[in-house]
Protein backbone atom coordinates (compact mmCIF):
# COMPACT_ATOMS: atom_id res chain seq x y z
CA MET A 1 125.47 136.52 104.58
CA LEU A 2 123.94 139.26 103.35
CA LEU A 3 125.27 138.87 99.93
CA LEU A 4 123.87 135.22 99.33
CA LEU A 5 120.60 136.99 100.77
CA ILE A 6 120.56 139.12 97.53
CA ILE A 7 121.37 136.56 95.30
CA CYS A 8 118.67 134.51 96.81
CA ILE A 9 116.28 137.45 96.26
CA LEU A 10 117.68 138.05 92.83
CA ILE A 11 117.06 134.46 92.14
CA PHE A 12 113.48 134.39 92.90
CA VAL A 13 112.74 137.68 91.00
CA THR A 14 114.70 135.92 87.96
CA LEU A 15 112.47 133.40 88.35
CA MET A 16 109.10 135.19 88.54
CA CYS A 17 110.46 136.97 85.23
CA GLY A 18 110.39 134.33 82.74
CA LEU A 19 114.21 132.81 83.54
CA PRO A 20 114.66 129.41 83.16
CA VAL A 21 115.32 128.13 86.30
CA ALA A 22 118.25 126.32 85.86
CA TYR A 23 120.17 129.53 84.68
CA ALA A 24 118.82 130.96 87.67
CA PHE A 25 120.46 128.63 90.03
CA LEU A 26 123.74 128.21 88.05
CA GLY A 27 123.95 132.64 87.79
CA GLY A 28 123.19 133.07 91.35
CA SER A 29 125.79 130.45 92.25
CA LEU A 30 128.35 131.71 89.92
CA ALA A 31 128.01 135.49 91.01
CA TYR A 32 128.20 134.31 94.70
CA LEU A 33 131.28 132.08 93.95
CA ILE A 34 133.17 134.75 91.93
CA ALA A 35 131.84 137.59 94.29
CA THR A 36 133.30 135.68 97.15
CA GLY A 37 136.64 134.83 95.98
CA GLY A 38 134.69 131.39 96.57
CA ASN A 39 136.37 128.18 94.41
CA LEU A 40 134.53 127.49 91.44
CA ALA A 41 136.28 123.56 90.79
CA PRO A 42 133.98 121.64 92.46
CA ILE A 43 130.85 123.00 90.58
CA ALA A 44 131.62 120.26 87.53
CA GLY A 45 132.22 117.58 90.50
CA THR A 46 129.03 118.66 92.38
CA ALA A 47 127.23 118.97 89.23
CA PHE A 48 127.94 114.95 88.32
CA ASN A 49 127.24 113.94 91.60
CA SER A 50 124.52 115.33 92.07
CA MET A 51 122.83 113.20 89.10
CA ASN A 52 125.51 109.78 89.99
CA SER A 53 122.87 107.58 91.73
CA PHE A 54 121.72 104.09 90.64
CA ALA A 55 118.05 105.38 91.78
CA TYR A 56 117.60 108.03 89.27
CA LEU A 57 117.64 105.20 86.84
CA ALA A 58 114.02 104.24 88.23
CA ILE A 59 112.84 108.00 86.59
CA PRO A 60 113.40 107.75 82.55
CA LEU A 61 112.05 103.99 82.89
CA PHE A 62 108.84 105.28 85.05
CA VAL A 63 108.08 108.17 82.87
CA LEU A 64 108.30 105.95 79.73
CA ALA A 65 106.61 103.47 81.31
CA GLY A 66 103.77 106.11 81.87
CA SER A 67 103.93 107.52 78.31
CA LEU A 68 103.71 104.35 76.90
CA MET A 69 100.16 103.55 78.97
CA SER A 70 98.85 106.87 77.85
CA LYS A 71 99.24 105.67 74.28
CA SER A 72 98.15 102.33 74.97
CA GLY A 73 94.61 102.71 75.45
CA ILE A 74 94.50 101.95 78.57
CA ALA A 75 93.09 105.09 79.97
CA GLU A 76 89.81 104.89 77.46
CA SER A 77 88.89 101.51 79.64
CA ILE A 78 90.15 102.93 82.90
CA CYS A 79 87.49 105.82 82.25
CA ARG A 80 84.96 103.34 81.14
CA PHE A 81 85.24 101.16 84.20
CA CYS A 82 85.03 104.03 86.63
CA SER A 83 81.94 106.01 85.20
CA SER A 84 80.46 102.66 84.66
CA ILE A 85 80.40 102.05 88.57
CA LEU A 86 79.56 105.36 89.17
CA ARG A 87 77.03 106.61 87.29
CA ARG A 88 74.33 104.97 89.69
CA PHE A 89 75.42 107.56 92.35
CA LYS A 90 74.90 111.14 92.57
CA GLY A 91 77.36 113.43 91.51
CA GLY A 92 78.93 109.76 89.84
CA MET A 93 80.60 111.80 86.73
CA GLY A 94 82.61 114.10 88.86
CA THR A 95 83.87 111.03 91.81
CA ALA A 96 84.50 109.06 88.04
CA ILE A 97 87.42 112.05 87.11
CA VAL A 98 88.80 111.19 90.94
CA LEU A 99 88.53 107.53 90.59
CA ALA A 100 90.38 107.64 87.84
CA SER A 101 93.23 109.49 88.26
CA MET A 102 93.75 107.50 91.48
CA MET A 103 93.62 104.38 88.85
CA PHE A 104 95.65 106.33 86.46
CA GLY A 105 98.65 107.16 88.67
CA MET A 106 98.96 103.64 89.62
CA LEU A 107 100.07 103.15 85.87
CA THR A 108 102.05 106.48 85.13
CA GLY A 109 103.19 108.28 88.02
CA SER A 110 102.34 111.58 86.41
CA ASN A 111 100.09 114.16 87.41
CA THR A 112 99.80 115.85 83.87
CA ALA A 113 99.71 112.40 82.30
CA THR A 114 96.45 111.33 84.55
CA ILE A 115 95.31 114.83 83.73
CA MET A 116 95.50 114.72 79.82
CA ALA A 117 94.60 110.99 79.62
CA VAL A 118 91.03 111.72 81.78
CA ASN A 119 90.68 114.65 80.09
CA SER A 120 90.35 112.66 76.74
CA PHE A 121 87.30 110.34 77.77
CA LEU A 122 85.88 112.63 80.44
CA LYS A 123 85.13 115.60 79.24
CA GLU A 124 82.49 115.07 76.58
CA PRO A 125 80.55 112.55 77.99
CA MET A 126 80.27 115.30 81.15
CA ARG A 127 80.31 118.42 79.26
CA LYS A 128 77.12 116.87 77.05
CA MET A 129 75.67 116.00 79.96
CA GLY A 130 75.37 119.34 81.52
CA TRP A 131 78.25 119.64 83.54
CA LYS A 132 80.04 123.09 83.72
CA GLU A 133 83.16 123.08 82.46
CA GLU A 134 84.87 125.06 84.71
CA TYR A 135 84.11 122.52 86.65
CA ILE A 136 85.06 119.92 84.81
CA ALA A 137 88.76 121.65 84.35
CA ALA A 138 88.59 122.28 88.68
CA VAL A 139 88.16 118.60 89.22
CA MET A 140 90.75 117.44 86.74
CA ALA A 141 93.13 119.70 88.29
CA SER A 142 92.62 119.16 91.50
CA SER A 143 93.22 115.30 91.00
CA GLY A 144 96.03 115.65 89.64
CA PRO A 145 98.42 115.12 92.11
CA LEU A 146 96.67 111.86 93.16
CA GLY A 147 98.77 110.89 89.77
CA TYR A 148 101.81 110.40 91.35
CA MET A 149 100.59 110.31 94.76
CA ILE A 150 99.65 107.10 94.37
CA PRO A 151 103.07 105.63 93.50
CA PRO A 152 105.18 104.92 91.43
CA ASN A 153 106.08 108.64 92.38
CA THR A 154 109.03 109.70 90.59
CA ASN A 155 109.19 112.86 93.13
CA ALA A 156 110.00 110.15 95.87
CA ILE A 157 113.06 108.88 94.20
CA MET A 158 114.56 112.43 93.84
CA PHE A 159 113.71 112.78 97.15
CA ALA A 160 115.03 109.46 98.69
CA VAL A 161 118.26 110.41 97.25
CA ILE A 162 118.46 113.51 98.58
CA ALA A 163 117.37 112.42 101.93
CA GLN A 164 119.32 109.14 101.87
CA CYS A 165 116.12 106.19 102.27
CA SER A 166 114.55 104.33 101.20
CA VAL A 167 112.82 104.72 97.38
CA SER A 168 110.28 101.69 98.12
CA ALA A 169 109.68 102.78 102.06
CA LEU A 170 108.85 106.00 99.97
CA PHE A 171 106.41 105.01 97.21
CA LEU A 172 104.59 102.76 100.47
CA SER A 173 104.19 106.64 102.47
CA SER A 174 101.91 107.59 100.20
CA LEU A 175 99.69 105.10 98.92
CA LEU A 176 97.53 105.83 102.20
CA PRO A 177 97.35 109.59 102.27
CA GLY A 178 96.66 109.28 98.27
CA ILE A 179 93.52 107.13 98.80
CA LEU A 180 92.51 109.36 101.53
CA TRP A 181 93.07 112.44 99.57
CA GLY A 182 91.05 111.10 96.97
CA VAL A 183 88.33 110.32 99.32
CA LEU A 184 88.05 113.89 101.13
CA MET A 185 87.79 115.00 97.08
CA ILE A 186 84.74 112.46 96.30
CA VAL A 187 82.98 114.15 99.55
CA VAL A 188 83.80 117.34 98.07
CA ASN A 189 82.12 116.93 94.40
CA ARG A 190 79.40 115.12 96.28
CA LEU A 191 78.48 118.14 98.32
CA ILE A 192 78.80 120.45 95.63
CA TYR A 193 78.44 119.00 92.44
CA LYS A 194 74.77 120.13 91.84
CA LYS A 195 75.83 123.56 91.83
CA TYR A 196 78.05 122.98 88.74
CA TYR A 197 75.43 120.48 86.90
CA ASP A 198 72.21 121.05 85.05
CA SER A 199 70.61 117.93 83.58
CA ASN A 200 68.40 120.16 82.07
CA GLN A 201 71.45 121.63 79.81
CA ALA A 202 72.29 118.05 78.61
CA GLU A 203 72.29 117.79 74.75
CA GLU A 204 69.88 114.88 73.55
CA GLU A 205 72.39 111.80 73.34
CA TYR A 206 73.07 112.07 76.76
CA ALA A 207 69.84 113.40 77.79
CA GLU A 208 68.15 109.95 79.62
CA GLN A 209 71.54 109.26 80.95
CA ALA A 210 71.23 112.94 82.75
CA LYS A 211 67.61 112.80 83.69
CA TYR A 212 68.37 109.27 85.43
CA GLU A 213 71.23 110.35 87.06
CA GLY A 214 72.31 108.71 90.10
CA SER A 215 69.87 105.92 89.01
CA LEU A 216 69.02 102.71 86.65
CA MET A 217 67.85 103.76 83.78
CA PRO A 218 64.48 102.57 82.25
CA GLY A 219 63.87 98.94 81.95
CA GLU A 220 67.40 98.41 83.05
CA THR A 221 67.85 95.52 85.85
CA ASN A 222 70.17 95.27 89.05
CA GLY A 223 71.89 92.58 87.24
CA GLN A 224 72.37 94.58 83.97
CA TYR A 225 74.00 96.80 85.98
CA PHE A 226 76.38 94.73 87.89
CA LEU A 227 77.18 92.85 84.35
CA GLY A 228 78.22 96.35 82.10
CA ILE A 229 81.09 96.63 85.35
CA GLY A 230 82.12 93.26 84.87
CA ARG A 231 82.45 93.72 81.26
CA SER A 232 84.13 96.94 82.00
CA PHE A 233 86.46 95.37 84.54
CA ILE A 234 87.64 92.61 81.99
CA SER A 235 89.25 95.49 79.44
CA THR A 236 90.76 96.93 82.40
CA ILE A 237 92.75 93.43 83.89
CA PRO A 238 95.87 94.33 82.25
CA ALA A 239 96.38 97.81 83.38
CA LEU A 240 95.80 96.86 86.88
CA LEU A 241 98.19 93.63 86.50
CA MET A 242 100.80 96.45 86.23
CA PRO A 243 100.66 97.27 89.58
CA VAL A 244 100.76 94.27 90.76
CA ILE A 245 103.53 92.91 88.92
CA ILE A 246 106.04 96.42 89.54
CA PHE A 247 104.70 95.82 93.68
CA GLY A 248 105.04 92.45 93.91
CA GLY A 249 108.21 92.01 92.59
CA ILE A 250 109.68 95.10 94.53
CA TYR A 251 108.08 94.01 98.09
CA GLY A 252 108.41 90.64 97.39
CA GLY A 253 112.66 91.39 96.78
CA ILE A 254 112.29 90.16 93.10
CA PHE A 255 113.69 93.30 92.04
CA THR A 256 114.72 96.67 92.91
CA ALA A 257 112.40 99.75 92.58
CA THR A 258 114.71 100.79 89.68
CA GLU A 259 114.72 97.16 87.87
CA ALA A 260 110.71 97.90 88.35
CA GLY A 261 110.84 100.53 86.18
CA ALA A 262 112.54 98.58 83.62
CA VAL A 263 109.97 95.77 83.88
CA SER A 264 107.02 98.25 84.53
CA GLY A 265 108.28 99.64 80.25
CA LEU A 266 108.41 96.01 79.59
CA TYR A 267 105.48 95.34 80.04
CA ALA A 268 103.78 98.17 78.90
CA ILE A 269 105.05 97.33 75.35
CA LEU A 270 103.91 94.07 75.49
CA LEU A 271 100.34 95.26 76.73
CA GLY A 272 100.37 98.10 73.63
CA PHE A 273 101.63 95.81 71.23
CA VAL A 274 100.73 92.46 72.19
CA ILE A 275 97.27 92.31 74.41
CA LYS A 276 95.92 95.18 73.02
CA ARG A 277 97.15 95.81 69.76
CA THR A 278 96.69 99.58 70.03
CA MET A 279 100.14 100.90 69.37
CA ASN A 280 102.58 101.22 66.28
CA ALA A 281 106.29 101.61 65.94
CA ARG A 282 105.72 105.27 65.73
CA GLN A 283 103.92 105.83 68.90
CA LEU A 284 106.49 104.11 70.25
CA TRP A 285 109.15 106.62 69.04
CA ASP A 286 106.96 109.36 70.15
CA CYS A 287 106.89 107.53 73.65
CA PHE A 288 110.61 107.40 73.90
CA THR A 289 111.09 111.44 72.32
CA ASP A 290 108.75 112.73 75.19
CA THR A 291 110.64 110.71 77.73
CA GLY A 292 113.89 112.48 76.61
CA ARG A 293 111.95 115.79 76.44
CA GLN A 294 110.94 114.80 79.63
CA MET A 295 114.14 113.81 81.34
CA GLY A 296 116.14 117.02 79.51
CA VAL A 297 114.55 119.10 81.66
CA ILE A 298 114.97 117.02 85.18
CA LEU A 299 119.25 116.51 83.91
CA PHE A 300 118.75 120.21 83.44
CA ILE A 301 117.58 121.51 86.57
CA THR A 302 119.14 118.88 88.93
CA PRO A 303 122.14 119.70 88.87
CA MET A 304 122.19 123.37 88.66
CA ALA A 305 120.03 123.27 91.84
CA ALA A 306 122.07 121.24 93.41
CA ILE A 307 125.32 123.63 93.20
CA PHE A 308 123.31 126.21 94.22
CA THR A 309 122.07 123.93 97.59
CA ARG A 310 126.07 123.15 97.75
CA VAL A 311 126.37 127.41 98.30
CA LEU A 312 123.99 127.19 101.03
CA ILE A 313 125.39 124.30 103.05
CA LEU A 314 128.74 125.62 102.69
CA ASN A 315 127.68 128.76 104.45
CA ASP A 316 125.51 126.48 107.20
CA VAL A 317 122.37 128.12 105.85
CA PRO A 318 120.32 125.02 106.85
CA SER A 319 121.82 125.45 110.67
CA ILE A 320 120.73 128.67 110.42
CA ILE A 321 117.45 128.35 109.57
CA ALA A 322 116.70 125.64 111.92
CA SER A 323 118.45 127.53 114.91
CA PHE A 324 115.96 130.47 113.80
CA MET A 325 112.66 128.30 113.63
CA LEU A 326 113.46 126.64 117.00
CA SER A 327 114.21 129.95 118.64
CA LEU A 328 110.66 131.28 117.21
CA SER A 329 108.55 128.64 119.32
CA SER A 330 109.42 125.76 121.23
CA ASN A 331 106.37 124.46 120.99
CA ARG A 332 106.33 121.12 118.71
CA ILE A 333 102.28 121.58 116.93
CA ILE A 334 103.48 125.64 115.84
CA LEU A 335 107.20 124.46 114.22
CA LEU A 336 105.42 121.46 112.61
CA LEU A 337 102.99 124.25 111.10
CA LEU A 338 105.73 126.25 110.11
CA ILE A 339 107.27 123.45 108.23
CA ASP A 340 103.78 123.38 106.42
CA LEU A 341 103.74 126.94 105.13
CA VAL A 342 107.00 126.75 104.20
CA PHE A 343 106.61 123.73 102.12
CA ILE A 344 103.26 125.19 101.08
CA VAL A 345 104.52 128.86 100.48
CA ALA A 346 107.11 126.89 98.57
CA GLY A 347 104.51 124.95 95.94
CA PHE A 348 102.86 128.52 95.01
CA PHE A 349 106.12 130.02 93.59
CA LEU A 350 108.66 126.61 92.77
CA ASN A 351 108.86 123.24 90.53
CA PRO A 352 108.80 120.33 92.40
CA THR A 353 112.98 119.59 91.39
CA VAL A 354 113.73 122.57 92.78
CA ILE A 355 111.66 122.47 96.08
CA ILE A 356 113.11 119.17 96.52
CA TYR A 357 116.70 119.60 95.92
CA VAL A 358 117.18 123.57 97.28
CA VAL A 359 114.07 123.68 100.09
CA THR A 360 114.41 119.97 101.02
CA PRO A 361 118.03 120.36 102.49
CA LEU A 362 117.02 123.75 104.26
CA ILE A 363 114.32 122.46 106.55
CA MET A 364 115.88 118.65 107.34
CA PRO A 365 117.58 119.80 110.30
CA THR A 366 114.54 121.71 111.54
CA ALA A 367 112.50 118.46 110.76
CA THR A 368 115.08 116.51 112.68
CA ALA A 369 114.81 118.37 115.81
CA ILE A 370 112.08 118.04 116.23
CA GLY A 371 111.62 114.34 115.62
CA ILE A 372 109.89 113.86 112.29
CA GLU A 373 111.26 111.00 110.29
CA ALA A 374 112.95 111.35 106.17
CA ILE A 375 109.94 109.15 105.66
CA GLN A 376 107.03 111.40 106.71
CA LEU A 377 108.96 114.81 105.66
CA GLY A 378 108.92 113.49 101.88
CA CYS A 379 105.03 112.65 102.31
CA MET A 380 104.41 115.94 103.52
CA LEU A 381 106.73 117.54 100.64
CA PHE A 382 104.19 115.10 98.25
CA VAL A 383 101.29 116.81 100.00
CA ALA A 384 102.57 119.91 99.21
CA ILE A 385 103.71 119.74 95.91
CA GLY A 386 100.01 118.60 95.01
CA ILE A 387 99.02 121.89 96.76
CA GLY A 388 101.35 124.06 94.69
CA ASN A 389 100.37 122.14 91.17
CA ILE A 390 96.64 123.90 91.54
CA THR A 391 97.34 126.83 93.12
CA PRO A 392 98.65 130.09 91.33
CA PRO A 393 100.77 131.57 90.10
CA MET A 394 102.71 128.56 89.04
CA ALA A 395 99.60 126.07 89.25
CA MET A 396 100.81 123.67 86.57
CA ASN A 397 97.85 121.24 87.07
CA LEU A 398 95.25 124.21 86.63
CA PHE A 399 96.82 125.99 83.24
CA ILE A 400 96.97 122.36 82.03
CA ALA A 401 93.32 121.25 83.19
CA SER A 402 92.26 124.80 82.17
CA LYS A 403 93.85 124.64 78.25
CA ALA A 404 92.66 120.71 77.86
CA VAL A 405 88.71 121.40 78.85
CA GLY A 406 89.26 124.65 76.98
CA VAL A 407 87.90 127.07 79.29
CA ASP A 408 89.40 130.67 80.70
CA THR A 409 91.94 129.76 84.01
CA THR A 410 90.43 132.37 85.99
CA LYS A 411 86.76 130.49 85.97
CA VAL A 412 88.42 127.22 87.32
CA ILE A 413 89.94 129.21 90.43
CA PRO A 414 86.79 129.70 92.18
CA PRO A 415 85.35 125.42 92.19
CA MET A 416 88.78 124.37 92.41
CA MET A 417 89.02 126.22 95.80
CA TYR A 418 86.69 124.33 97.30
CA TYR A 419 89.22 121.17 96.55
CA PHE A 420 92.14 123.17 98.28
CA VAL A 421 90.23 124.29 101.53
CA PHE A 422 88.39 121.01 102.43
CA ALA A 423 90.47 118.69 100.85
CA GLY A 424 94.32 119.33 100.06
CA LEU A 425 94.47 121.52 103.14
CA PRO A 426 92.88 119.00 105.41
CA MET A 427 95.41 116.41 103.68
CA MET A 428 98.26 118.32 104.70
CA LEU A 429 97.37 118.55 108.58
CA LEU A 430 96.21 115.01 108.43
CA VAL A 431 100.17 113.84 107.25
CA THR A 432 101.58 116.44 109.67
CA PHE A 433 99.82 115.74 112.84
CA TRP A 434 99.34 111.97 112.15
CA PRO A 435 102.85 110.21 111.58
CA ALA A 436 101.40 106.59 111.32
CA LEU A 437 98.93 108.04 108.38
CA SER A 438 102.61 107.39 106.61
CA LEU A 439 104.57 105.69 108.25
CA TRP A 440 102.43 102.41 109.05
CA LEU A 441 102.47 100.73 105.75
CA PRO A 442 106.16 101.07 104.99
CA SER A 443 107.02 99.94 108.58
CA LEU A 444 104.32 97.40 108.12
CA ILE A 445 106.03 95.85 105.06
CA GLY A 446 109.36 96.69 105.65
């Protein structure tokens, strides 16, 4: 066991030094097996079986659909619709980022695609209205996790394979938490936005709009305001039909979650080429190649992580961890907080695929022992992954948003901390101690 602990430490150190995740886990697994004289024959079978699942076919299909949606002009329609609704509210443009991220999440299931799409259409108007760039990046980074909390969620597909539970139930489990998380972010934005917004700094073309932020423009009537909302809503109808088709088909028993991925891809192609006519053959090819690159990463990391997980399971590490955690306390609240702590710390340092494949099997025996259902555990994990995406050192969302907006990452961290402390952590506690938040909707539909 001491040797295995040393191997785990070496894997962690090499990951922090920048070694690719797949190489770190494969190297650590081989080093342990060779040092202990273990059988190397099952390695190939373990790698193959880790990906030999019908549910996994949904991942490239949903990734492709998200890529198609992001290139079909849908993001512009969604952002315009959100900003038209919220321009009469104090801090409305900050809220528009959150709402647009929630809506775009229904179409893509990707936090990265969500950040890039929202950034493309809201960054410049907000900057010219007097919003500070570091705050724009902070809201975009913090809203990124809503891109996969609002289903479909590719993390849910991977977790379902590991935990042997329903993909469609996991989709539903994160819907209400995702909406509530968005509401918490909207509240935080409303309370702090004045610190990062100065209408006096607005550029000439946006000066009047910034001056009357939170109210009607001079000469504008309520009827004209609602008419503008109606017009922008009409342009978003094709996009809003996509989740209706997907989830209506899944929960109406017409097709499975995997087949829903294929349907979403076909609908996205139809939308881009026939309905909106904003795509061409070159963009379609780019979507396929982008999907291939993203899947290449997943297909390389997943088998290597599965091999290392097998090593841990063969050494009975999950049971050892469960016994250790249960020996620390018999208080269920403390144990729940310990599981939260493990997930959040793992999110700080590891990418989602590794957390799902390595950390989840280690924690599941403890979770089962204290009565946490797999569906609720999955939702807790998704929130922790979202928190990890905005908190250093790994903080993928933070780096992507900072680069997209063009601001130094260190300047983004202070405003982002408001969303971490007053939205992310409360959301983690809510899904942990309020099981119905993640279990009610799956049980109702099921």
